[in-house]
Amino acid sequence: MRKLVTLAVGLGLILGCSKARNDETIMNDIKAGLFSDARTKSANIDVVVKNGTATLVGEVADENVRYEAFKIAKEAAGVVNVQDQMSLPQVRAARGAKTAAVAGSAANAGSVSKSAREARREHEPLPVRSLAGSTTQSTYGSTTQAQDSSQQQSAESQPAPVNNTPTAAPAVTPAQAPAAPALPPVRQVTIPAGTAVHIQTIDSVDSATNHAGDLFRASLAFPIVVNGEPVVPTGTDVFVKLIHSSSAGRMAGRSELTLQLARLDFQGKSYALSSDDYQDVGKSRGKRTAETVGIGAAVGAALGGIFGGGKGAAIGAGVGGGGGAAAEAATKGQQVRIPSETKLDFNLQQPVDVTYSPDKNPSSR
């Protein structure tokens, strides 16, 4: 029982170490991919991998860099999920602007309240004292003067009307929310028929082993240009199809390979292509083989006649035929083979409508 417990603990430690090493390997692969890409090389991105989940943290210049970093992490071997915690500079600036706007609104409100209080204080009446003996005079004139004076004082003692209408506070302009990042422009272009398409093969094609219908990988050796503007950049994935394949026979015939463009994979979409043929033909061996066999048989028969009459002639003919077959075997090997990295030229037979974003083309950045 003790041995079983020890074995289980050891296996757990081994599995834990293997898992840790696996996460570390994934993290190193993602960092290497970010460093090797020209768009993400200068970005301040940190990578954390746990249980196959990659978390990207840091600040990136724009949405294109953010998308490229997410794509590199997603395509890394062993990644189960990707969590995007990257941020853009404009988000942080918008938060600062919002905080400043709130503080400015509070300051304006305090200033308005203080101004209203001061205005009300200026309109409040001052205390007025009545004059002693103003109504004790006995003469008519004195009484009238006292009455006039009393009325004047009464009028002056009336408080001035107070404007209780609060002063309107100046309008505070709210901080505008940051504009959403503009989506990359999308264009639709028709690549006309007759457009030249120059490719470079990735897979090799061999008349001895490949058959009609097989697909082979290639890439654009030069960009596809429409009206003087590059539309599809160099290096875009292209597939060619083997339309016809024939291998030279044992005694006659010649090898042939016929290829056509089949498909273009560009910015996550596939486009069917129709093009003219590219044909490669080997040297014919029929006439040469027949002449070699005939000469060998004639020479054998002559030698047989010299050394043994009729029976010798038959033996000589057999020897000559064998020599001719050996000569035929020596000429074998006229197969057609298109090796990898071979440049081939095609012309489109039908137009192709392509939808793409110029900002995602490496040539436009």
Protein backbone atom coordinates (compact mmCIF):
# COMPACT_ATOMS: atom_id res chain seq x y z
CA MET A 1 0.00 0.00 0.00
CA ARG A 2 2.80 2.41 0.85
CA LYS A 3 4.43 1.76 -2.53
CA LEU A 4 1.16 2.59 -4.33
CA VAL A 5 0.84 5.91 -2.47
CA THR A 6 4.46 6.80 -3.29
CA LEU A 7 3.91 5.94 -6.95
CA ALA A 8 0.75 8.08 -7.13
CA VAL A 9 2.53 11.07 -5.57
CA GLY A 10 5.42 10.68 -8.01
CA LEU A 11 3.07 10.53 -11.00
CA GLY A 12 1.29 13.66 -9.76
CA LEU A 13 4.56 15.54 -9.49
CA ILE A 14 5.61 14.39 -12.97
CA LEU A 15 2.27 15.43 -14.47
CA GLY A 16 2.43 18.79 -12.70
CA CYS A 17 5.95 19.48 -13.95
CA SER A 18 4.98 18.39 -17.47
CA LYS A 19 1.96 20.72 -17.39
CA ALA A 20 4.06 23.62 -16.13
CA ARG A 21 6.62 23.00 -18.84
CA ASN A 22 3.85 22.83 -21.42
CA ASP A 23 2.40 26.22 -20.35
CA GLU A 24 5.88 27.73 -20.31
CA THR A 25 6.58 26.38 -23.80
CA ILE A 26 3.31 27.87 -25.11
CA MET A 27 4.16 31.23 -23.49
CA ASN A 28 7.63 31.25 -25.09
CA ASP A 29 6.14 30.37 -28.49
CA ILE A 30 3.63 33.23 -28.29
CA LYS A 31 6.31 35.73 -27.18
CA ALA A 32 8.54 34.60 -30.04
CA GLY A 33 5.67 35.08 -32.50
CA LEU A 34 4.93 38.58 -31.16
CA PHE A 35 8.60 39.55 -31.39
CA SER A 36 9.03 38.23 -34.92
CA ASP A 37 5.98 40.10 -36.28
CA ALA A 38 6.78 43.65 -37.40
CA ARG A 39 3.42 44.99 -36.18
CA THR A 40 3.61 43.59 -32.63
CA LYS A 41 7.36 43.72 -32.08
CA SER A 42 7.35 47.19 -30.50
CA ALA A 43 4.10 46.69 -28.53
CA ASN A 44 4.31 46.35 -24.74
CA ILE A 45 2.44 43.03 -24.43
CA ASP A 46 2.87 40.55 -21.58
CA VAL A 47 1.80 36.90 -21.96
CA VAL A 48 0.58 34.59 -19.18
CA VAL A 49 -0.40 30.97 -19.91
CA LYS A 50 -2.24 28.75 -17.44
CA ASN A 51 -3.79 25.39 -18.30
CA GLY A 52 -3.52 26.23 -21.99
CA THR A 53 -5.35 29.59 -21.62
CA ALA A 54 -3.23 32.50 -22.85
CA THR A 55 -3.87 35.96 -21.34
CA LEU A 56 -2.56 39.03 -23.22
CA VAL A 57 -1.99 42.13 -21.07
CA GLY A 58 -0.52 45.49 -22.07
CA GLU A 59 -1.03 48.59 -24.17
CA VAL A 60 -1.13 48.51 -27.98
CA ALA A 61 -1.09 51.36 -30.49
CA ASP A 62 -4.32 50.53 -32.37
CA GLU A 63 -6.88 47.84 -33.13
CA ASN A 64 -4.78 46.36 -35.95
CA VAL A 65 -1.91 45.58 -33.58
CA ARG A 66 -4.41 44.24 -31.05
CA TYR A 67 -5.98 41.93 -33.65
CA GLU A 68 -2.57 40.68 -34.86
CA ALA A 69 -1.43 39.86 -31.30
CA PHE A 70 -4.67 37.98 -30.59
CA LYS A 71 -4.27 36.04 -33.86
CA ILE A 72 -0.66 35.03 -33.06
CA ALA A 73 -1.68 33.77 -29.61
CA LYS A 74 -4.73 31.93 -30.99
CA GLU A 75 -2.66 30.09 -33.63
CA ALA A 76 0.08 29.01 -31.20
CA ALA A 77 0.29 25.24 -30.71
CA GLY A 78 -1.36 24.02 -27.51
CA VAL A 79 -3.48 27.15 -26.88
CA VAL A 80 -7.01 26.29 -25.72
CA ASN A 81 -8.35 29.81 -25.22
CA VAL A 82 -7.14 33.44 -25.46
CA GLN A 83 -8.21 36.21 -23.05
CA ASP A 84 -7.72 39.72 -24.44
CA GLN A 85 -6.93 42.23 -21.68
CA MET A 86 -5.01 44.65 -23.91
CA SER A 87 -5.90 48.35 -23.87
CA LEU A 88 -5.63 51.30 -26.24
CA PRO A 89 -4.13 54.75 -25.38
CA GLN A 90 -7.37 56.59 -26.23
CA VAL A 91 -9.30 54.68 -23.54
CA ARG A 92 -6.97 55.92 -20.82
CA ALA A 93 -7.13 59.50 -22.23
CA ALA A 94 -10.94 59.35 -22.26
CA ARG A 95 -11.00 58.34 -18.60
CA GLY A 96 -8.79 61.32 -17.69
CA ALA A 97 -11.01 63.70 -19.68
CA LYS A 98 -14.12 62.40 -17.93
CA THR A 99 -12.56 62.89 -14.48
CA ALA A 100 -11.52 66.46 -15.36
CA ALA A 101 -15.02 67.26 -16.64
CA VAL A 102 -16.64 66.04 -13.39
CA ALA A 103 -14.25 68.16 -11.29
CA GLY A 104 -14.93 71.22 -13.48
CA SER A 105 -18.70 70.78 -13.09
CA ALA A 106 -18.39 70.69 -9.27
CA ALA A 107 -16.25 73.86 -9.27
CA ASN A 108 -18.74 75.72 -11.49
CA ALA A 109 -21.64 74.70 -9.23
CA GLY A 110 -19.81 76.05 -6.14
CA SER A 111 -19.04 79.32 -7.90
CA VAL A 112 -22.66 79.80 -8.99
CA SER A 113 -23.99 79.19 -5.44
CA LYS A 114 -21.58 81.77 -3.99
CA SER A 115 -22.62 84.40 -6.57
CA ALA A 116 -26.32 83.86 -5.78
CA ARG A 117 -25.76 84.28 -2.04
CA GLU A 118 -23.86 87.54 -2.56
CA ALA A 119 -26.62 88.92 -4.80
CA ARG A 120 -29.33 88.21 -2.20
CA ARG A 121 -27.21 89.82 0.56
CA GLU A 122 -26.93 93.07 -1.46
CA HIS A 123 -30.73 93.34 -1.80
CA GLU A 124 -31.52 92.87 1.93
CA PRO A 125 -32.79 96.17 3.64
CA LEU A 126 -30.70 97.99 6.20
CA PRO A 127 -32.31 98.67 9.66
CA VAL A 128 -33.93 102.19 9.90
CA ARG A 129 -34.50 104.09 13.22
CA SER A 130 -37.49 106.45 13.66
CA LEU A 131 -36.65 110.10 14.59
CA ALA A 132 -37.70 111.31 18.13
CA GLY A 133 -40.24 114.26 18.38
CA SER A 134 -41.16 114.19 14.73
CA THR A 135 -44.94 114.38 15.62
CA THR A 136 -44.91 116.68 18.79
CA GLN A 137 -45.04 120.11 17.04
CA SER A 138 -48.30 122.19 17.78
CA THR A 139 -48.38 124.64 14.85
CA TYR A 140 -50.09 123.75 11.60
CA GLY A 141 -47.00 124.21 9.59
CA SER A 142 -44.93 122.19 11.96
CA THR A 143 -47.51 119.42 12.03
CA THR A 144 -47.63 119.29 8.25
CA GLN A 145 -43.84 119.22 8.05
CA ALA A 146 -43.77 116.42 10.62
CA GLN A 147 -46.34 114.47 8.67
CA ASP A 148 -44.38 114.90 5.45
CA SER A 149 -41.22 113.88 7.22
CA SER A 150 -42.97 110.89 8.75
CA GLN A 151 -44.29 109.80 5.37
CA GLN A 152 -40.85 110.21 3.83
CA GLN A 153 -39.28 108.18 6.61
CA SER A 154 -42.00 105.54 6.28
CA ALA A 155 -41.32 105.33 2.54
CA GLU A 156 -37.61 105.11 3.15
CA SER A 157 -38.12 102.47 5.84
CA GLN A 158 -39.88 100.16 3.38
CA PRO A 159 -37.50 97.38 2.41
CA ALA A 160 -36.40 97.32 -1.17
CA PRO A 161 -37.95 94.53 -3.24
CA VAL A 162 -35.80 91.47 -3.23
CA ASN A 163 -35.44 89.47 -6.42
CA ASN A 164 -35.86 85.89 -5.18
CA THR A 165 -35.44 84.44 -8.68
CA PRO A 166 -32.24 82.37 -8.56
CA THR A 167 -29.55 83.30 -11.02
CA ALA A 168 -29.38 80.76 -13.80
CA ALA A 169 -26.23 78.72 -13.62
CA PRO A 170 -24.16 78.63 -16.79
CA ALA A 171 -24.67 75.50 -18.80
CA VAL A 172 -22.03 72.89 -18.25
CA THR A 173 -21.07 71.00 -21.34
CA PRO A 174 -20.79 67.28 -20.51
CA ALA A 175 -17.61 65.54 -21.49
CA GLN A 176 -18.06 63.84 -24.80
CA ALA A 177 -17.64 60.07 -24.84
CA PRO A 178 -14.65 58.85 -26.80
CA ALA A 179 -15.48 57.95 -30.36
CA ALA A 180 -15.45 54.27 -31.15
CA PRO A 181 -12.47 53.19 -33.22
CA ALA A 182 -13.28 53.33 -36.90
CA LEU A 183 -13.56 49.98 -38.62
CA PRO A 184 -11.03 49.38 -41.40
CA PRO A 185 -12.46 50.31 -44.80
CA VAL A 186 -13.65 47.43 -46.97
CA ARG A 187 -13.40 47.52 -50.73
CA GLN A 188 -14.69 45.31 -53.51
CA VAL A 189 -12.59 45.03 -56.65
CA THR A 190 -13.10 42.96 -59.80
CA ILE A 191 -9.91 41.35 -61.10
CA PRO A 192 -10.61 41.26 -64.85
CA ALA A 193 -10.09 38.32 -67.18
CA GLY A 194 -6.66 38.29 -68.78
CA THR A 195 -4.90 39.47 -65.61
CA ALA A 196 -1.47 37.86 -65.24
CA VAL A 197 -0.95 35.73 -62.12
CA HIS A 198 2.66 34.83 -61.30
CA ILE A 199 3.12 32.07 -58.70
CA GLN A 200 5.91 30.10 -57.05
CA THR A 201 5.28 26.44 -56.26
CA ILE A 202 5.57 25.05 -52.73
CA ASP A 203 4.74 21.41 -53.52
CA SER A 204 6.53 19.56 -56.30
CA VAL A 205 4.62 17.85 -59.16
CA ASP A 206 5.81 14.57 -60.74
CA SER A 207 4.31 12.79 -63.76
CA ALA A 208 5.42 9.43 -62.34
CA THR A 209 3.53 9.73 -59.01
CA ASN A 210 0.81 12.40 -59.30
CA HIS A 211 -2.57 12.08 -60.98
CA ALA A 212 -5.20 14.35 -62.51
CA GLY A 213 -7.27 16.11 -59.85
CA ASP A 214 -4.45 16.50 -57.32
CA LEU A 215 -4.07 19.95 -55.68
CA PHE A 216 -0.69 21.55 -54.97
CA ARG A 217 0.23 24.53 -52.78
CA ALA A 218 1.85 27.67 -54.15
CA SER A 219 2.10 31.39 -53.36
CA LEU A 220 2.03 34.63 -55.34
CA ALA A 221 5.48 35.54 -56.61
CA PHE A 222 4.26 39.07 -57.49
CA PRO A 223 1.17 41.02 -56.37
CA ILE A 224 -2.00 41.02 -58.45
CA VAL A 225 -2.42 44.58 -59.75
CA VAL A 226 -5.69 46.20 -60.87
CA ASN A 227 -5.61 49.67 -62.48
CA GLY A 228 -2.05 50.20 -61.27
CA GLU A 229 -2.91 49.44 -57.61
CA PRO A 230 -1.71 46.25 -55.84
CA VAL A 231 -4.80 44.39 -54.61
CA VAL A 232 -3.55 40.94 -53.59
CA PRO A 233 -0.03 41.06 -52.07
CA THR A 234 2.98 38.83 -52.68
CA GLY A 235 2.99 35.62 -50.64
CA THR A 236 -0.79 35.07 -50.69
CA ASP A 237 -1.73 31.36 -50.74
CA VAL A 238 -2.67 29.92 -54.15
CA PHE A 239 -3.58 26.35 -55.13
CA VAL A 240 -3.01 24.78 -58.55
CA LYS A 241 -4.75 21.68 -59.90
CA LEU A 242 -3.26 18.91 -62.02
CA ILE A 243 -5.60 18.66 -65.03
CA HIS A 244 -3.74 16.05 -67.07
CA SER A 245 -0.86 13.71 -66.27
CA SER A 246 0.66 11.00 -68.47
CA SER A 247 3.79 8.96 -67.88
CA ALA A 248 6.00 7.67 -70.70
CA GLY A 249 5.40 3.98 -71.51
CA ARG A 250 8.01 1.26 -71.52
CA MET A 251 8.68 1.35 -75.23
CA ALA A 252 6.91 4.47 -76.51
CA GLY A 253 5.12 7.73 -75.53
CA ARG A 254 6.14 10.79 -73.57
CA SER A 255 5.37 12.30 -70.17
CA GLU A 256 3.08 15.32 -69.86
CA LEU A 257 1.84 17.58 -67.03
CA THR A 258 -0.95 20.16 -67.39
CA LEU A 259 -1.73 22.58 -64.52
CA GLN A 260 -4.38 25.26 -63.93
CA LEU A 261 -5.05 27.76 -61.15
CA ALA A 262 -7.71 26.41 -58.77
CA ARG A 263 -8.14 28.67 -55.72
CA LEU A 264 -6.96 31.88 -54.03
CA ASP A 265 -7.05 32.23 -50.20
CA PHE A 266 -7.01 35.92 -49.27
CA GLN A 267 -7.87 37.66 -45.94
CA GLY A 268 -9.83 34.69 -44.62
CA LYS A 269 -11.84 34.04 -47.81
CA SER A 270 -11.41 31.57 -50.69
CA TYR A 271 -11.97 32.53 -54.33
CA ALA A 272 -12.28 30.01 -57.18
CA LEU A 273 -10.00 30.77 -60.13
CA SER A 274 -10.25 29.87 -63.81
CA SER A 275 -7.06 30.22 -65.87
CA ASP A 276 -5.28 29.03 -68.96
CA ASP A 277 -3.10 25.88 -68.90
CA TYR A 278 0.53 25.47 -68.00
CA GLN A 279 1.92 22.41 -69.81
CA ASP A 280 5.26 20.68 -69.41
CA VAL A 281 6.13 17.86 -71.84
CA GLY A 282 9.02 15.41 -71.64
CA LYS A 283 11.03 14.11 -74.59
CA SER A 284 9.39 11.44 -76.76
CA ARG A 285 11.03 7.99 -76.63
CA GLY A 286 8.98 6.05 -79.27
CA LYS A 287 11.04 6.51 -82.42
CA ARG A 288 14.40 6.34 -80.69
CA THR A 289 13.47 3.14 -78.83
CA ALA A 290 12.20 1.44 -82.01
CA GLU A 291 15.37 2.31 -83.91
CA THR A 292 17.58 1.08 -81.07
CA VAL A 293 15.75 -2.26 -80.83
CA GLY A 294 15.74 -2.75 -84.62
CA ILE A 295 19.45 -2.09 -84.96
CA GLY A 296 20.22 -4.42 -82.07
CA ALA A 297 18.21 -7.28 -83.61
CA ALA A 298 19.84 -6.85 -87.04
CA VAL A 299 23.34 -6.84 -85.60
CA GLY A 300 22.54 -9.94 -83.52
CA ALA A 301 21.20 -11.83 -86.51
CA ALA A 302 24.29 -11.01 -88.58
CA LEU A 303 26.62 -12.19 -85.83
CA GLY A 304 24.59 -15.39 -85.44
CA GLY A 305 24.83 -16.13 -89.17
CA ILE A 306 28.56 -15.68 -89.13
CA PHE A 307 29.18 -17.92 -86.14
CA GLY A 308 26.51 -20.62 -86.49
CA GLY A 309 24.26 -20.53 -89.52
CA GLY A 310 20.52 -20.70 -88.98
CA LYS A 311 20.64 -21.67 -85.34
CA GLY A 312 23.29 -19.07 -84.73
CA ALA A 313 21.16 -16.49 -86.46
CA ALA A 314 18.27 -17.18 -84.12
CA ILE A 315 20.58 -16.95 -81.13
CA GLY A 316 22.08 -13.78 -82.53
CA ALA A 317 18.65 -12.29 -83.05
CA GLY A 318 17.84 -12.99 -79.42
CA VAL A 319 21.09 -11.40 -78.34
CA GLY A 320 20.38 -8.38 -80.52
CA GLY A 321 16.88 -8.05 -79.12
CA GLY A 322 18.27 -8.18 -75.61
CA GLY A 323 20.73 -5.47 -76.49
CA GLY A 324 17.93 -3.33 -77.87
CA ALA A 325 15.89 -3.81 -74.67
CA ALA A 326 18.92 -2.80 -72.63
CA ALA A 327 19.25 0.29 -74.78
CA GLU A 328 15.55 1.01 -74.19
CA ALA A 329 16.06 0.68 -70.44
CA ALA A 330 18.96 3.08 -70.65
CA THR A 331 16.68 5.72 -72.18
CA LYS A 332 14.08 5.36 -69.44
CA GLY A 333 13.65 8.29 -67.07
CA GLN A 334 12.05 10.89 -69.35
CA GLN A 335 9.46 11.74 -66.68
CA VAL A 336 8.34 15.38 -66.14
CA ARG A 337 8.86 16.88 -62.69
CA ILE A 338 8.14 20.46 -61.53
CA PRO A 339 10.19 20.98 -58.36
CA SER A 340 9.31 23.22 -55.44
CA GLU A 341 10.01 26.99 -55.77
CA THR A 342 9.42 26.87 -59.55
CA LYS A 343 7.92 30.09 -60.95
CA LEU A 344 4.89 29.58 -63.22
CA ASP A 345 2.81 32.14 -65.13
CA PHE A 346 -0.95 32.00 -65.74
CA ASN A 347 -3.65 34.31 -67.14
CA LEU A 348 -7.18 34.47 -65.70
CA GLN A 349 -9.90 33.27 -68.05
CA GLN A 350 -12.77 34.68 -65.97
CA PRO A 351 -13.04 37.80 -63.76
CA VAL A 352 -12.93 37.42 -59.96
CA ASP A 353 -14.75 39.71 -57.46
CA VAL A 354 -12.55 40.21 -54.37
CA THR A 355 -13.65 41.88 -51.11
CA TYR A 356 -10.73 43.05 -48.97
CA SER A 357 -9.44 45.63 -46.49
CA PRO A 358 -6.45 47.64 -47.79
CA ASP A 359 -5.28 48.29 -44.19
CA LYS A 360 -4.66 44.56 -43.72
CA ASN A 361 -2.35 44.29 -46.73
CA PRO A 362 1.34 44.29 -45.71
CA SER A 363 2.17 46.41 -48.77
CA SER A 364 -0.14 49.24 -47.58
CA ARG A 365 1.48 49.61 -44.15
